[in-house]
Amino acid sequence: MQLSVHGIDTFVATGGRKFNSSQPTIVLLHGAGFDHTTWALHSRWFAHHGYSVLAPDLPGHGRSSGVPLPTIADMADWTAALLDAAGTAKARLVGHSMGSLIALETAARHPAKVSALSLIGTAATMTVGPDLLKAAEANDPAAIDMVSIWGLGFQAELGGSLAPGLWMHSGAQRVLEQCRPGVLFSDLSACNAYQGALAAAAQITVPTTFVLGERDMMTPVRAGKTLAAALPNSRTVMLPGAGHMMMVERPDELLAALQG
């Protein structure tokens, strides 16, 4: 469906069912350079199991208009406005990578709007290497290669996929290649600049689930555990052998973790 959020024409996937604000709402927030297709499986499962789903393309991403928002705080305020635009008062927020920081900051800045959090592939600080930032700023295809190679775990890079006929590495590259110029750099810069995760965590009391990949090279387990330790009302699920892109590497195990 299409919504106007802060004046931005926004595409929001609803998991194949019409959004119904009378049901519990779950918001699925994608990572840097990606879009709503990240949640192809998970959005449909929740939409067909008692939830109303909002899986937006963030401004400047996918099928949404506008330009990418420059800071995690801006994205958090935009997420709160998304709930208002959809006519729902409160939601559970699920975020991957950059999306996890957005979810965390939204819960700190707009606590009345958040009922629970699920943070996937997250970290207390999400530092981005200078080589990756430089390549992304130049719109160099090397940035896409770096994200794809570092983002997928070892087993995923062997070429297998749970979906017959698909290749996880190539699939990630195709989505990133569709980014408009400057989008990936803006997202990575926002992640790199964000230093508020621990301060935000100190303000959060809602139940929080951390889902971490054992072989995640982009947000290593130790960094996720540092953030988890700052939220007393939290639990951590480790996915053995998984890298950063758990939605495609371990879709069933991730879904089970989100259901718990």
C-alpha atoms as a PDB file:
ATOM      1  CA  MET A   1       0.000   0.000   0.000  1.00  0.00           C
ATOM      2  CA  GLN A   2       1.004   3.637  -0.366  1.00  0.00           C
ATOM      3  CA  LEU A   3       1.130   6.047   2.572  1.00  0.00           C
ATOM      4  CA  SER A   4       2.208   9.653   2.914  1.00  0.00           C
ATOM      5  CA  VAL A   5       4.715   9.840   5.777  1.00  0.00           C
ATOM      6  CA  HIS A   6       6.148  13.271   6.552  1.00  0.00           C
ATOM      7  CA  GLY A   7       5.062  14.243   3.048  1.00  0.00           C
ATOM      8  CA  ILE A   8       6.965  11.354   1.448  1.00  0.00           C
ATOM      9  CA  ASP A   9       5.083   8.944  -0.814  1.00  0.00           C
ATOM     10  CA  THR A  10       5.956   5.660   0.883  1.00  0.00           C
ATOM     11  CA  PHE A  11       5.514   2.094  -0.291  1.00  0.00           C
ATOM     12  CA  VAL A  12       4.629  -0.309   2.515  1.00  0.00           C
ATOM     13  CA  ALA A  13       4.346  -4.064   2.012  1.00  0.00           C
ATOM     14  CA  THR A  14       1.665  -5.719   4.149  1.00  0.00           C
ATOM     15  CA  GLY A  15       2.485  -9.401   3.703  1.00  0.00           C
ATOM     16  CA  GLY A  16      -0.220 -10.100   1.153  1.00  0.00           C
ATOM     17  CA  ARG A  17      -3.129  -9.061   3.375  1.00  0.00           C
ATOM     18  CA  LYS A  18      -4.855  -5.730   3.741  1.00  0.00           C
ATOM     19  CA  PHE A  19      -3.607  -3.742   6.717  1.00  0.00           C
ATOM     20  CA  ASN A  20      -6.090  -3.846   9.621  1.00  0.00           C
ATOM     21  CA  SER A  21      -5.303  -1.441  12.467  1.00  0.00           C
ATOM     22  CA  SER A  22      -7.535  -3.394  14.855  1.00  0.00           C
ATOM     23  CA  GLN A  23      -4.987  -6.240  14.901  1.00  0.00           C
ATOM     24  CA  PRO A  24      -1.589  -6.181  16.621  1.00  0.00           C
ATOM     25  CA  THR A  25       0.869  -4.380  14.342  1.00  0.00           C
ATOM     26  CA  ILE A  26       4.391  -5.486  13.501  1.00  0.00           C
ATOM     27  CA  VAL A  27       6.805  -3.165  11.674  1.00  0.00           C
ATOM     28  CA  LEU A  28       9.716  -4.699   9.747  1.00  0.00           C
ATOM     29  CA  LEU A  29      12.627  -2.314   9.138  1.00  0.00           C
ATOM     30  CA  HIS A  30      15.243  -3.178   6.517  1.00  0.00           C
ATOM     31  CA  GLY A  31      18.983  -2.551   6.588  1.00  0.00           C
ATOM     32  CA  ALA A  32      21.305  -0.219   4.696  1.00  0.00           C
ATOM     33  CA  GLY A  33      20.772  -0.216   0.945  1.00  0.00           C
ATOM     34  CA  PHE A  34      17.967  -2.771   1.057  1.00  0.00           C
ATOM     35  CA  ASP A  35      14.160  -2.549   0.873  1.00  0.00           C
ATOM     36  CA  HIS A  36      10.945  -4.343   1.873  1.00  0.00           C
ATOM     37  CA  THR A  37      11.887  -7.468  -0.126  1.00  0.00           C
ATOM     38  CA  THR A  38      14.230  -8.340   2.749  1.00  0.00           C
ATOM     39  CA  TRP A  39      11.110  -9.526   4.570  1.00  0.00           C
ATOM     40  CA  ALA A  40       9.474 -11.568   1.776  1.00  0.00           C
ATOM     41  CA  LEU A  41       8.978 -14.675   3.932  1.00  0.00           C
ATOM     42  CA  HIS A  42       8.557 -13.133   7.355  1.00  0.00           C
ATOM     43  CA  SER A  43       6.047 -10.455   6.363  1.00  0.00           C
ATOM     44  CA  ARG A  44       3.752 -13.103   4.884  1.00  0.00           C
ATOM     45  CA  TRP A  45       3.986 -15.376   7.920  1.00  0.00           C
ATOM     46  CA  PHE A  46       3.024 -12.623  10.358  1.00  0.00           C
ATOM     47  CA  ALA A  47       0.270 -11.311   8.078  1.00  0.00           C
ATOM     48  CA  HIS A  48      -1.311 -14.768   8.042  1.00  0.00           C
ATOM     49  CA  HIS A  49      -0.927 -15.391  11.781  1.00  0.00           C
ATOM     50  CA  GLY A  50      -2.864 -12.617  13.471  1.00  0.00           C
ATOM     51  CA  TYR A  51      -0.714  -9.543  12.803  1.00  0.00           C
ATOM     52  CA  SER A  52      -1.092  -6.521  10.592  1.00  0.00           C
ATOM     53  CA  VAL A  53       2.238  -5.949   8.864  1.00  0.00           C
ATOM     54  CA  LEU A  54       4.046  -2.767   7.855  1.00  0.00           C
ATOM     55  CA  ALA A  55       7.268  -3.433   5.917  1.00  0.00           C
ATOM     56  CA  PRO A  56       8.168  -0.033   4.484  1.00  0.00           C
ATOM     57  CA  ASP A  57      10.695   1.013   1.924  1.00  0.00           C
ATOM     58  CA  LEU A  58      12.478   3.780   3.824  1.00  0.00           C
ATOM     59  CA  PRO A  59      12.599   7.198   2.086  1.00  0.00           C
ATOM     60  CA  GLY A  60      14.703   7.043  -1.065  1.00  0.00           C
ATOM     61  CA  HIS A  61      14.708   3.234  -1.050  1.00  0.00           C
ATOM     62  CA  GLY A  62      12.889   0.737  -3.219  1.00  0.00           C
ATOM     63  CA  ARG A  63       9.512   2.057  -4.330  1.00  0.00           C
ATOM     64  CA  SER A  64       9.384   5.016  -1.925  1.00  0.00           C
ATOM     65  CA  SER A  65      10.044   8.567  -3.059  1.00  0.00           C
ATOM     66  CA  GLY A  66      12.199  11.198  -1.367  1.00  0.00           C
ATOM     67  CA  VAL A  67      15.840  11.051  -0.361  1.00  0.00           C
ATOM     68  CA  PRO A  68      17.431   8.866   2.329  1.00  0.00           C
ATOM     69  CA  LEU A  69      17.218  10.339   5.805  1.00  0.00           C
ATOM     70  CA  PRO A  70      20.669  11.333   7.090  1.00  0.00           C
ATOM     71  CA  THR A  71      20.549  10.134  10.705  1.00  0.00           C
ATOM     72  CA  ILE A  72      19.191   7.242  12.742  1.00  0.00           C
ATOM     73  CA  ALA A  73      17.248   9.772  14.838  1.00  0.00           C
ATOM     74  CA  ASP A  74      15.547  11.109  11.706  1.00  0.00           C
ATOM     75  CA  MET A  75      14.635   7.568  10.664  1.00  0.00           C
ATOM     76  CA  ALA A  76      13.252   6.855  14.137  1.00  0.00           C
ATOM     77  CA  ASP A  77      10.994   9.917  14.034  1.00  0.00           C
ATOM     78  CA  TRP A  78       9.907   8.892  10.537  1.00  0.00           C
ATOM     79  CA  THR A  79       9.030   5.404  11.832  1.00  0.00           C
ATOM     80  CA  ALA A  80       6.844   6.922  14.537  1.00  0.00           C
ATOM     81  CA  ALA A  81       5.138   9.011  11.843  1.00  0.00           C
ATOM     82  CA  LEU A  82       4.611   5.837   9.795  1.00  0.00           C
ATOM     83  CA  LEU A  83       2.504   4.406  12.624  1.00  0.00           C
ATOM     84  CA  ASP A  84       0.441   7.589  12.729  1.00  0.00           C
ATOM     85  CA  ALA A  85      -0.062   7.481   8.955  1.00  0.00           C
ATOM     86  CA  ALA A  86      -1.217   3.850   9.162  1.00  0.00           C
ATOM     87  CA  GLY A  87      -3.653   4.692  11.965  1.00  0.00           C
ATOM     88  CA  THR A  88      -2.113   2.400  14.567  1.00  0.00           C
ATOM     89  CA  ALA A  89      -1.163   3.566  18.055  1.00  0.00           C
ATOM     90  CA  LYS A  90       1.463   0.992  18.978  1.00  0.00           C
ATOM     91  CA  ALA A  91       3.549  -1.681  17.271  1.00  0.00           C
ATOM     92  CA  ARG A  92       6.185  -4.292  17.749  1.00  0.00           C
ATOM     93  CA  LEU A  93       9.315  -3.209  15.859  1.00  0.00           C
ATOM     94  CA  VAL A  94      11.602  -5.700  14.134  1.00  0.00           C
ATOM     95  CA  GLY A  95      14.798  -4.331  12.591  1.00  0.00           C
ATOM     96  CA  HIS A  96      17.790  -5.787  10.799  1.00  0.00           C
ATOM     97  CA  SER A  97      21.209  -4.088  10.939  1.00  0.00           C
ATOM     98  CA  MET A  98      20.512  -0.368  10.317  1.00  0.00           C
ATOM     99  CA  GLY A  99      16.863  -1.204  10.900  1.00  0.00           C
ATOM    100  CA  SER A 100      17.724  -2.504  14.373  1.00  0.00           C
ATOM    101  CA  LEU A 101      19.237   0.874  15.287  1.00  0.00           C
ATOM    102  CA  ILE A 102      16.127   2.611  13.949  1.00  0.00           C
ATOM    103  CA  ALA A 103      13.893   0.334  16.023  1.00  0.00           C
ATOM    104  CA  LEU A 104      15.986   0.892  19.153  1.00  0.00           C
ATOM    105  CA  GLU A 105      16.018   4.679  18.758  1.00  0.00           C
ATOM    106  CA  THR A 106      12.284   4.757  17.997  1.00  0.00           C
ATOM    107  CA  ALA A 107      11.568   2.915  21.246  1.00  0.00           C
ATOM    108  CA  ALA A 108      13.704   5.414  23.180  1.00  0.00           C
ATOM    109  CA  ARG A 109      12.264   8.524  21.516  1.00  0.00           C
ATOM    110  CA  HIS A 110       8.634   7.362  21.232  1.00  0.00           C
ATOM    111  CA  PRO A 111       8.130   4.776  24.017  1.00  0.00           C
ATOM    112  CA  ALA A 112       4.325   4.944  23.958  1.00  0.00           C
ATOM    113  CA  LYS A 113       4.332   3.710  20.359  1.00  0.00           C
ATOM    114  CA  VAL A 114       6.430   0.551  20.880  1.00  0.00           C
ATOM    115  CA  SER A 115       5.197  -2.670  22.504  1.00  0.00           C
ATOM    116  CA  ALA A 116       8.265  -4.872  21.913  1.00  0.00           C
ATOM    117  CA  LEU A 117      11.533  -5.024  19.974  1.00  0.00           C
ATOM    118  CA  SER A 118      13.335  -7.651  17.930  1.00  0.00           C
ATOM    119  CA  LEU A 119      16.859  -6.621  16.915  1.00  0.00           C
ATOM    120  CA  ILE A 120      18.600  -8.736  14.259  1.00  0.00           C
ATOM    121  CA  GLY A 121      22.288  -8.437  13.422  1.00  0.00           C
ATOM    122  CA  THR A 122      22.766  -5.490  15.740  1.00  0.00           C
ATOM    123  CA  ALA A 123      25.608  -3.913  17.710  1.00  0.00           C
ATOM    124  CA  ALA A 124      26.274  -1.303  20.367  1.00  0.00           C
ATOM    125  CA  THR A 125      28.283   0.601  17.757  1.00  0.00           C
ATOM    126  CA  MET A 126      27.920  -0.121  14.036  1.00  0.00           C
ATOM    127  CA  THR A 127      31.274   1.112  12.763  1.00  0.00           C
ATOM    128  CA  VAL A 128      31.737   1.061   8.973  1.00  0.00           C
ATOM    129  CA  GLY A 129      35.236   0.652   7.553  1.00  0.00           C
ATOM    130  CA  PRO A 130      36.729   3.611   5.672  1.00  0.00           C
ATOM    131  CA  ASP A 131      37.282   1.580   2.486  1.00  0.00           C
ATOM    132  CA  LEU A 132      33.601   0.655   2.340  1.00  0.00           C
ATOM    133  CA  LEU A 133      32.510   4.234   3.030  1.00  0.00           C
ATOM    134  CA  LYS A 134      34.846   5.587   0.361  1.00  0.00           C
ATOM    135  CA  ALA A 135      33.610   3.089  -2.234  1.00  0.00           C
ATOM    136  CA  ALA A 136      29.959   3.782  -1.379  1.00  0.00           C
ATOM    137  CA  GLU A 137      30.499   7.542  -1.621  1.00  0.00           C
ATOM    138  CA  ALA A 138      31.950   7.096  -5.114  1.00  0.00           C
ATOM    139  CA  ASN A 139      29.090   4.750  -6.105  1.00  0.00           C
ATOM    140  CA  ASP A 140      31.825   2.221  -6.821  1.00  0.00           C
ATOM    141  CA  PRO A 141      30.505  -1.345  -7.397  1.00  0.00           C
ATOM    142  CA  ALA A 142      33.217  -2.479  -4.999  1.00  0.00           C
ATOM    143  CA  ALA A 143      30.936  -1.284  -2.162  1.00  0.00           C
ATOM    144  CA  ILE A 144      28.277  -3.753  -3.243  1.00  0.00           C
ATOM    145  CA  ASP A 145      30.889  -6.520  -3.379  1.00  0.00           C
ATOM    146  CA  MET A 146      32.080  -5.682   0.136  1.00  0.00           C
ATOM    147  CA  VAL A 147      28.566  -5.698   1.616  1.00  0.00           C
ATOM    148  CA  SER A 148      27.689  -8.942  -0.145  1.00  0.00           C
ATOM    149  CA  ILE A 149      30.875 -10.777   0.786  1.00  0.00           C
ATOM    150  CA  TRP A 150      31.045  -9.576   4.387  1.00  0.00           C
ATOM    151  CA  GLY A 151      27.302  -9.815   4.913  1.00  0.00           C
ATOM    152  CA  LEU A 152      26.847 -13.487   4.097  1.00  0.00           C
ATOM    153  CA  GLY A 153      28.173 -16.294   6.245  1.00  0.00           C
ATOM    154  CA  PHE A 154      30.617 -18.931   4.991  1.00  0.00           C
ATOM    155  CA  GLN A 155      27.986 -21.524   4.114  1.00  0.00           C
ATOM    156  CA  ALA A 156      25.944 -19.010   2.122  1.00  0.00           C
ATOM    157  CA  GLU A 157      28.963 -18.189  -0.024  1.00  0.00           C
ATOM    158  CA  LEU A 158      29.228 -21.823  -1.129  1.00  0.00           C
ATOM    159  CA  GLY A 159      26.280 -21.116  -3.432  1.00  0.00           C
ATOM    160  CA  GLY A 160      23.429 -23.012  -1.837  1.00  0.00           C
ATOM    161  CA  SER A 161      19.998 -21.592  -1.122  1.00  0.00           C
ATOM    162  CA  LEU A 162      16.934 -22.935   0.654  1.00  0.00           C
ATOM    163  CA  ALA A 163      14.926 -21.624  -2.295  1.00  0.00           C
ATOM    164  CA  PRO A 164      15.712 -23.823  -5.333  1.00  0.00           C
ATOM    165  CA  GLY A 165      17.320 -21.997  -8.259  1.00  0.00           C
ATOM    166  CA  LEU A 166      18.407 -18.949  -6.243  1.00  0.00           C
ATOM    167  CA  TRP A 167      21.886 -17.804  -5.241  1.00  0.00           C
ATOM    168  CA  MET A 168      22.074 -15.793  -2.018  1.00  0.00           C
ATOM    169  CA  HIS A 169      25.175 -13.801  -2.935  1.00  0.00           C
ATOM    170  CA  SER A 170      23.836 -12.745  -6.328  1.00  0.00           C
ATOM    171  CA  GLY A 171      20.420 -11.954  -4.854  1.00  0.00           C
ATOM    172  CA  ALA A 172      21.939  -9.548  -2.329  1.00  0.00           C
ATOM    173  CA  GLN A 173      23.951  -7.879  -5.078  1.00  0.00           C
ATOM    174  CA  ARG A 174      20.940  -7.385  -7.339  1.00  0.00           C
ATOM    175  CA  VAL A 175      19.008  -5.536  -4.611  1.00  0.00           C
ATOM    176  CA  LEU A 176      21.978  -3.306  -3.786  1.00  0.00           C
ATOM    177  CA  GLU A 177      22.569  -2.576  -7.467  1.00  0.00           C
ATOM    178  CA  GLN A 178      19.069  -1.133  -7.682  1.00  0.00           C
ATOM    179  CA  CYS A 179      19.887   1.501  -5.043  1.00  0.00           C
ATOM    180  CA  ARG A 180      19.753   5.058  -6.283  1.00  0.00           C
ATOM    181  CA  PRO A 181      23.122   6.830  -6.286  1.00  0.00           C
ATOM    182  CA  GLY A 182      24.119   7.958  -2.815  1.00  0.00           C
ATOM    183  CA  VAL A 183      21.613   5.818  -0.892  1.00  0.00           C
ATOM    184  CA  LEU A 184      24.032   3.166   0.334  1.00  0.00           C
ATOM    185  CA  PHE A 185      26.581   5.814   1.348  1.00  0.00           C
ATOM    186  CA  SER A 186      23.937   7.796   3.246  1.00  0.00           C
ATOM    187  CA  ASP A 187      22.776   4.695   5.112  1.00  0.00           C
ATOM    188  CA  LEU A 188      26.264   3.506   5.989  1.00  0.00           C
ATOM    189  CA  SER A 189      27.223   7.001   7.139  1.00  0.00           C
ATOM    190  CA  ALA A 190      24.162   7.119   9.404  1.00  0.00           C
ATOM    191  CA  CYS A 191      25.128   3.789  10.971  1.00  0.00           C
ATOM    192  CA  ASN A 192      28.751   4.838  11.387  1.00  0.00           C
ATOM    193  CA  ALA A 193      27.796   8.143  13.043  1.00  0.00           C
ATOM    194  CA  TYR A 194      25.215   6.720  15.446  1.00  0.00           C
ATOM    195  CA  GLN A 195      26.611   6.570  18.985  1.00  0.00           C
ATOM    196  CA  GLY A 196      23.347   6.487  20.890  1.00  0.00           C
ATOM    197  CA  ALA A 197      22.605   2.784  21.171  1.00  0.00           C
ATOM    198  CA  LEU A 198      23.635   2.319  24.803  1.00  0.00           C
ATOM    199  CA  ALA A 199      21.923   5.547  25.870  1.00  0.00           C
ATOM    200  CA  ALA A 200      18.753   4.467  24.071  1.00  0.00           C
ATOM    201  CA  ALA A 201      18.945   1.005  25.649  1.00  0.00           C
ATOM    202  CA  ALA A 202      19.008   2.563  29.119  1.00  0.00           C
ATOM    203  CA  GLN A 203      15.561   4.053  28.476  1.00  0.00           C
ATOM    204  CA  ILE A 204      13.877   0.902  27.149  1.00  0.00           C
ATOM    205  CA  THR A 205      11.741  -1.409  29.265  1.00  0.00           C
ATOM    206  CA  VAL A 206       9.732  -3.321  26.640  1.00  0.00           C
ATOM    207  CA  PRO A 207      10.593  -6.990  25.960  1.00  0.00           C
ATOM    208  CA  THR A 208      13.484  -7.211  23.515  1.00  0.00           C
ATOM    209  CA  THR A 209      14.788 -10.151  21.521  1.00  0.00           C
ATOM    210  CA  PHE A 210      18.296 -10.130  20.062  1.00  0.00           C
ATOM    211  CA  VAL A 211      18.973 -12.454  17.138  1.00  0.00           C
ATOM    212  CA  LEU A 212      22.699 -12.753  16.405  1.00  0.00           C
ATOM    213  CA  GLY A 213      24.609 -14.682  13.759  1.00  0.00           C
ATOM    214  CA  GLU A 214      27.496 -16.752  15.090  1.00  0.00           C
ATOM    215  CA  ARG A 215      29.670 -15.890  12.066  1.00  0.00           C
ATOM    216  CA  ASP A 216      28.466 -12.345  11.476  1.00  0.00           C
ATOM    217  CA  MET A 217      31.407 -10.276  10.186  1.00  0.00           C
ATOM    218  CA  MET A 218      29.489  -6.981   9.946  1.00  0.00           C
ATOM    219  CA  THR A 219      28.029  -6.860  13.458  1.00  0.00           C
ATOM    220  CA  PRO A 220      30.097  -9.418  15.405  1.00  0.00           C
ATOM    221  CA  VAL A 221      28.448 -11.356  18.206  1.00  0.00           C
ATOM    222  CA  ARG A 222      30.459  -9.653  20.950  1.00  0.00           C
ATOM    223  CA  ALA A 223      29.128  -6.246  19.832  1.00  0.00           C
ATOM    224  CA  GLY A 224      25.556  -7.512  19.883  1.00  0.00           C
ATOM    225  CA  LYS A 225      26.030  -9.014  23.334  1.00  0.00           C
ATOM    226  CA  THR A 226      27.342  -5.677  24.628  1.00  0.00           C
ATOM    227  CA  LEU A 227      24.088  -4.039  23.607  1.00  0.00           C
ATOM    228  CA  ALA A 228      21.974  -6.920  24.921  1.00  0.00           C
ATOM    229  CA  ALA A 229      23.624  -6.586  28.333  1.00  0.00           C
ATOM    230  CA  ALA A 230      22.314  -3.020  28.538  1.00  0.00           C
ATOM    231  CA  LEU A 231      18.672  -4.168  28.303  1.00  0.00           C
ATOM    232  CA  PRO A 232      17.640  -6.175  31.365  1.00  0.00           C
ATOM    233  CA  ASN A 233      14.303  -7.217  29.827  1.00  0.00           C
ATOM    234  CA  SER A 234      15.922  -9.033  26.913  1.00  0.00           C
ATOM    235  CA  ARG A 235      16.801 -12.453  25.594  1.00  0.00           C
ATOM    236  CA  THR A 236      19.394 -13.450  23.015  1.00  0.00           C
ATOM    237  CA  VAL A 237      19.067 -16.118  20.337  1.00  0.00           C
ATOM    238  CA  MET A 238      22.244 -17.230  18.564  1.00  0.00           C
ATOM    239  CA  LEU A 239      21.953 -18.730  15.073  1.00  0.00           C
ATOM    240  CA  PRO A 240      24.876 -21.169  14.647  1.00  0.00           C
ATOM    241  CA  GLY A 241      26.955 -20.666  11.521  1.00  0.00           C
ATOM    242  CA  ALA A 242      24.896 -17.688  10.316  1.00  0.00           C
ATOM    243  CA  GLY A 243      26.367 -14.487   8.974  1.00  0.00           C
ATOM    244  CA  HIS A 244      24.745 -11.059   8.902  1.00  0.00           C
ATOM    245  CA  MET A 245      21.955 -11.698   6.370  1.00  0.00           C
ATOM    246  CA  MET A 246      19.972 -14.104   8.496  1.00  0.00           C
ATOM    247  CA  MET A 247      16.682 -13.523   6.653  1.00  0.00           C
ATOM    248  CA  VAL A 248      17.986 -15.546   3.690  1.00  0.00           C
ATOM    249  CA  GLU A 249      20.669 -17.637   5.402  1.00  0.00           C
ATOM    250  CA  ARG A 250      18.494 -18.967   8.229  1.00  0.00           C
ATOM    251  CA  PRO A 251      14.898 -17.954   7.399  1.00  0.00           C
ATOM    252  CA  ASP A 252      13.167 -20.684   9.414  1.00  0.00           C
ATOM    253  CA  GLU A 253      15.397 -20.342  12.471  1.00  0.00           C
ATOM    254  CA  LEU A 254      14.966 -16.561  12.373  1.00  0.00           C
ATOM    255  CA  LEU A 255      11.209 -16.913  12.162  1.00  0.00           C
ATOM    256  CA  ALA A 256      11.242 -19.254  15.165  1.00  0.00           C
ATOM    257  CA  ALA A 257      13.290 -16.709  17.121  1.00  0.00           C
ATOM    258  CA  LEU A 258      10.833 -13.934  16.256  1.00  0.00           C
ATOM    259  CA  GLN A 259       7.905 -16.104  17.320  1.00  0.00           C
ATOM    260  CA  GLY A 260       9.410 -16.853  20.722  1.00  0.00           C
END
